[in-house]
N, C-alpha and C. Protein backbone atom coordinates (compact mmCIF):
# COMPACT_ATOMS: atom_id res chain seq x y z
N MET A 1 -5.36 3.36 -19.65
CA MET A 1 -5.49 2.51 -18.46
C MET A 1 -6.53 2.64 -17.18
N LEU A 2 -7.22 1.95 -16.68
CA LEU A 2 -8.35 2.41 -16.05
C LEU A 2 -8.06 2.29 -14.50
N PHE A 3 -8.77 3.12 -13.54
CA PHE A 3 -8.20 3.49 -12.39
C PHE A 3 -8.46 2.30 -11.89
N GLY A 4 -7.23 1.93 -10.90
CA GLY A 4 -7.51 0.57 -9.95
C GLY A 4 -7.00 -0.61 -10.76
N GLU A 5 -6.42 -0.28 -12.17
CA GLU A 5 -6.26 -1.73 -12.88
C GLU A 5 -4.91 -2.10 -12.24
N THR A 6 -4.70 -3.42 -12.21
CA THR A 6 -3.41 -3.81 -11.60
C THR A 6 -2.64 -4.05 -12.62
N LEU A 7 -1.18 -3.68 -12.62
CA LEU A 7 -0.35 -3.87 -13.39
C LEU A 7 0.51 -4.98 -13.15
N ALA A 8 0.99 -5.90 -14.20
CA ALA A 8 2.02 -6.91 -14.26
C ALA A 8 3.17 -6.96 -13.13
N ALA A 9 3.48 -5.79 -13.07
CA ALA A 9 4.70 -5.75 -12.13
C ALA A 9 4.62 -5.80 -10.84
N GLY A 10 3.17 -5.50 -10.64
CA GLY A 10 2.87 -5.50 -9.03
C GLY A 10 2.83 -4.45 -8.71
N CYS A 11 1.93 -3.36 -9.44
CA CYS A 11 1.64 -2.22 -9.04
C CYS A 11 0.02 -1.63 -9.31
N LEU A 12 -0.41 -0.77 -8.52
CA LEU A 12 -1.66 -0.94 -8.83
C LEU A 12 -1.59 0.96 -9.69
N PHE A 13 -1.98 1.25 -10.41
CA PHE A 13 -2.41 2.07 -11.50
C PHE A 13 -3.62 3.17 -10.80
N GLY A 14 -3.77 4.54 -10.72
CA GLY A 14 -4.79 5.45 -10.31
C GLY A 14 -4.38 6.87 -10.78
N ALA A 15 -5.24 7.51 -9.84
CA ALA A 15 -5.26 9.02 -10.33
C ALA A 15 -5.14 9.50 -8.54
N ASP A 16 -4.06 10.76 -8.55
CA ASP A 16 -4.17 11.36 -7.21
C ASP A 16 -5.52 12.00 -6.81
N SER A 17 -5.55 12.56 -5.66
CA SER A 17 -7.02 12.96 -5.31
C SER A 17 -7.43 14.11 -5.81
N ASP A 18 -6.76 14.71 -6.68
CA ASP A 18 -7.39 15.36 -7.85
C ASP A 18 -7.70 15.10 -8.79
N GLY A 19 -7.25 14.00 -9.36
CA GLY A 19 -7.49 13.18 -10.35
C GLY A 19 -6.63 13.75 -11.36
N ALA A 20 -5.64 14.36 -11.18
CA ALA A 20 -4.91 15.15 -12.51
C ALA A 20 -3.56 14.55 -12.79
N GLU A 21 -3.04 13.72 -11.72
CA GLU A 21 -1.76 12.72 -11.84
C GLU A 21 -1.73 11.68 -11.82
N ASP A 22 -1.11 10.56 -12.39
CA ASP A 22 -1.16 8.97 -12.49
C ASP A 22 -0.39 8.75 -11.10
N VAL A 23 -0.65 7.93 -10.39
CA VAL A 23 -0.01 7.37 -9.02
C VAL A 23 0.12 5.71 -9.15
N VAL A 24 1.19 5.45 -8.91
CA VAL A 24 1.71 4.28 -9.08
C VAL A 24 1.89 3.43 -7.69
N MET A 25 1.26 2.48 -7.03
CA MET A 25 1.66 2.04 -5.73
C MET A 25 2.12 0.63 -5.89
N GLU A 26 3.21 0.27 -5.22
CA GLU A 26 3.49 -0.89 -5.42
C GLU A 26 2.65 -1.67 -4.47
N LEU A 27 2.29 -3.02 -4.90
CA LEU A 27 1.57 -3.76 -4.39
C LEU A 27 2.28 -4.87 -3.80
N PRO A 28 2.15 -5.07 -2.06
CA PRO A 28 2.78 -6.10 -1.17
C PRO A 28 2.40 -7.62 -1.60
N SER A 29 3.36 -8.31 -1.68
CA SER A 29 3.25 -9.67 -1.97
C SER A 29 2.44 -10.37 -0.58
N CYS A 30 1.39 -11.21 -1.07
CA CYS A 30 0.86 -12.35 0.02
C CYS A 30 2.09 -13.23 0.50
N LYS A 31 2.26 -13.07 1.99
CA LYS A 31 3.06 -13.93 2.95
C LYS A 31 2.59 -14.93 3.10
N LYS A 32 0.94 -15.17 2.97
CA LYS A 32 0.27 -16.90 3.12
C LYS A 32 0.89 -17.44 1.97
N CYS A 33 0.45 -17.26 1.01
CA CYS A 33 0.78 -18.16 -0.45
C CYS A 33 1.88 -17.87 -1.22
N GLU A 34 2.36 -16.60 -1.21
CA GLU A 34 3.91 -16.01 -1.77
C GLU A 34 3.70 -15.91 -3.39
N ASN A 35 2.36 -16.54 -3.74
CA ASN A 35 1.98 -16.34 -5.25
C ASN A 35 1.09 -15.19 -5.63
N GLY A 36 0.40 -14.64 -4.70
CA GLY A 36 -0.34 -13.42 -5.00
C GLY A 36 -0.06 -12.31 -4.57
N LEU A 37 -0.89 -11.06 -4.66
CA LEU A 37 -0.65 -9.90 -4.45
C LEU A 37 -1.82 -9.21 -3.37
N LEU A 38 -1.33 -8.32 -2.44
CA LEU A 38 -2.32 -7.83 -1.62
C LEU A 38 -2.78 -6.60 -2.10
N VAL A 39 -4.11 -6.55 -2.65
CA VAL A 39 -4.78 -5.40 -3.16
C VAL A 39 -5.67 -4.59 -2.11
N PRO A 40 -5.67 -3.24 -1.90
CA PRO A 40 -6.54 -2.65 -1.08
C PRO A 40 -8.17 -2.58 -1.31
N LEU A 41 -8.75 -2.60 -0.55
CA LEU A 41 -10.34 -2.26 -1.04
C LEU A 41 -10.73 -1.26 -0.10
N SER A 42 -11.22 -0.35 -0.68
CA SER A 42 -12.01 0.61 0.17
C SER A 42 -13.32 0.79 0.72
N ASP A 43 -13.95 1.06 1.26
CA ASP A 43 -15.48 1.11 2.00
C ASP A 43 -15.94 2.45 2.18
N TYR A 44 -17.24 2.67 2.74
CA TYR A 44 -17.91 3.88 3.07
C TYR A 44 -18.09 3.47 4.64
N GLY A 45 -17.79 4.04 5.73
CA GLY A 45 -18.09 4.20 7.10
C GLY A 45 -19.85 4.14 7.52
N THR A 46 -20.19 4.22 8.81
CA THR A 46 -21.46 4.20 9.17
C THR A 46 -22.22 5.63 9.11
N GLU A 47 -21.33 6.73 9.23
CA GLU A 47 -21.74 8.13 8.70
C GLU A 47 -21.50 8.34 7.32
N GLY A 48 -20.89 7.73 6.65
CA GLY A 48 -20.89 7.99 5.06
C GLY A 48 -19.79 8.37 4.75
N ALA A 49 -18.68 8.25 5.43
CA ALA A 49 -17.36 8.93 5.05
C ALA A 49 -16.72 7.73 4.48
N SER A 50 -15.76 8.01 3.58
CA SER A 50 -14.99 7.40 2.84
C SER A 50 -13.92 6.57 3.91
N VAL A 51 -13.61 5.13 3.82
CA VAL A 51 -12.42 4.72 4.54
C VAL A 51 -11.30 3.91 3.64
N MET A 52 -10.38 4.57 3.28
CA MET A 52 -9.58 4.15 2.59
C MET A 52 -8.63 3.02 3.41
N TYR A 53 -8.46 1.93 2.32
CA TYR A 53 -7.81 1.02 2.85
C TYR A 53 -8.35 0.08 3.79
N LYS A 54 -9.52 -0.03 3.94
CA LYS A 54 -10.04 -1.00 4.73
C LYS A 54 -9.87 -1.99 5.00
N ALA A 55 -9.72 -2.83 3.81
CA ALA A 55 -9.19 -3.86 3.86
C ALA A 55 -8.14 -4.39 2.88
N TRP A 56 -7.17 -5.46 2.70
CA TRP A 56 -6.04 -5.97 1.83
C TRP A 56 -6.57 -7.39 1.92
N VAL A 57 -6.74 -7.59 0.41
CA VAL A 57 -7.15 -9.28 0.05
C VAL A 57 -6.20 -9.79 -1.05
N CYS A 58 -5.58 -10.87 -0.68
CA CYS A 58 -4.93 -11.67 -1.97
C CYS A 58 -5.62 -11.81 -3.23
N ILE A 59 -5.04 -11.74 -4.60
CA ILE A 59 -6.10 -11.54 -5.48
C ILE A 59 -5.67 -13.44 -6.12
N ASN A 60 -4.78 -14.18 -5.45
CA ASN A 60 -4.66 -15.42 -5.52
C ASN A 60 -6.00 -16.12 -5.30
N PRO A 61 -6.91 -16.32 -6.14
CA PRO A 61 -8.44 -17.15 -5.68
C PRO A 61 -7.95 -18.35 -4.95
N ASP A 62 -7.23 -19.46 -4.94
CA ASP A 62 -6.82 -20.40 -4.25
C ASP A 62 -6.43 -19.82 -2.64
N CYS A 63 -6.05 -18.56 -2.40
CA CYS A 63 -5.71 -18.43 -1.27
C CYS A 63 -6.61 -17.76 -0.35
N GLY A 64 -6.98 -16.48 -0.88
CA GLY A 64 -8.23 -15.73 -0.43
C GLY A 64 -7.88 -14.77 0.99
N PHE A 65 -6.41 -15.03 1.25
CA PHE A 65 -6.09 -13.87 2.58
C PHE A 65 -6.77 -13.01 2.67
N SER A 66 -7.19 -12.17 3.91
CA SER A 66 -7.31 -10.74 3.82
C SER A 66 -7.26 -10.12 5.27
N ILE A 67 -6.84 -9.13 5.17
CA ILE A 67 -6.85 -8.62 6.84
C ILE A 67 -7.63 -7.29 6.56
N ARG A 68 -8.07 -6.94 7.36
CA ARG A 68 -9.40 -5.74 7.71
C ARG A 68 -9.27 -5.14 8.88
N VAL A 69 -10.22 -3.90 8.88
CA VAL A 69 -10.17 -3.47 10.04
C VAL A 69 -11.70 -3.22 9.91
N ASP A 70 -12.29 -3.69 11.12
CA ASP A 70 -13.85 -3.53 11.36
C ASP A 70 -13.83 -2.70 12.52
N LYS A 71 -14.23 -1.41 13.05
CA LYS A 71 -14.89 -0.67 14.20
C LYS A 71 -13.63 -0.91 15.19
N GLY A 72 -12.51 -0.60 14.53
CA GLY A 72 -11.29 -0.27 15.16
C GLY A 72 -10.48 -1.98 15.69
N GLN A 73 -11.19 -2.83 15.09
CA GLN A 73 -10.42 -4.29 15.26
C GLN A 73 -9.96 -4.73 14.38
N VAL A 74 -8.67 -5.22 14.17
CA VAL A 74 -7.95 -5.79 13.07
C VAL A 74 -8.16 -7.20 13.17
N THR A 75 -8.61 -7.62 11.83
CA THR A 75 -8.90 -9.24 11.83
C THR A 75 -8.32 -9.69 10.62
N PHE A 76 -7.50 -10.89 10.69
CA PHE A 76 -7.25 -11.42 9.17
C PHE A 76 -7.14 -12.74 9.13
N GLY A 77 -6.98 -13.44 8.24
CA GLY A 77 -7.07 -14.43 7.84
C GLY A 77 -8.42 -15.26 7.15
N ARG A 78 -9.82 -14.47 7.30
CA ARG A 78 -10.34 -14.84 6.51
C ARG A 78 -10.79 -14.63 5.12
N LYS A 79 -11.25 -15.77 4.11
CA LYS A 79 -11.31 -15.76 2.99
C LYS A 79 -12.59 -14.59 3.29
N ILE A 80 -12.62 -13.85 2.08
CA ILE A 80 -13.40 -12.82 1.51
C ILE A 80 -14.18 -13.40 0.44
N GLU A 81 -15.48 -13.62 0.73
CA GLU A 81 -16.61 -14.33 -0.49
C GLU A 81 -17.10 -13.36 -1.19
N SER A 82 -17.64 -13.50 -2.25
CA SER A 82 -18.54 -13.05 -3.69
C SER A 82 -19.80 -13.00 -2.76
N PRO A 83 -20.55 -11.94 -2.76
CA PRO A 83 -22.16 -11.84 -2.23
C PRO A 83 -22.88 -12.72 -3.23
N ARG A 84 -23.68 -13.26 -2.74
CA ARG A 84 -24.75 -14.16 -3.59
C ARG A 84 -25.87 -13.41 -4.00
């Protein structure tokens, strides 16, 4: 199984910070559409530091709900679009 692979049971499979053990995290259901799961997305800050769980997005393509943190501001509801 690959890092970050979503399991059918609504869990995310990966490795701990040492990469040694399997970690399973239950994913929350989307409260907007009630059909999708919210998955975490990480990013890098302006200084290059890793920002864990910067955003959570619904995996239901018809929903597209997201909640994210940008420079200390929490925003939600905007659909995350694919880069062109």
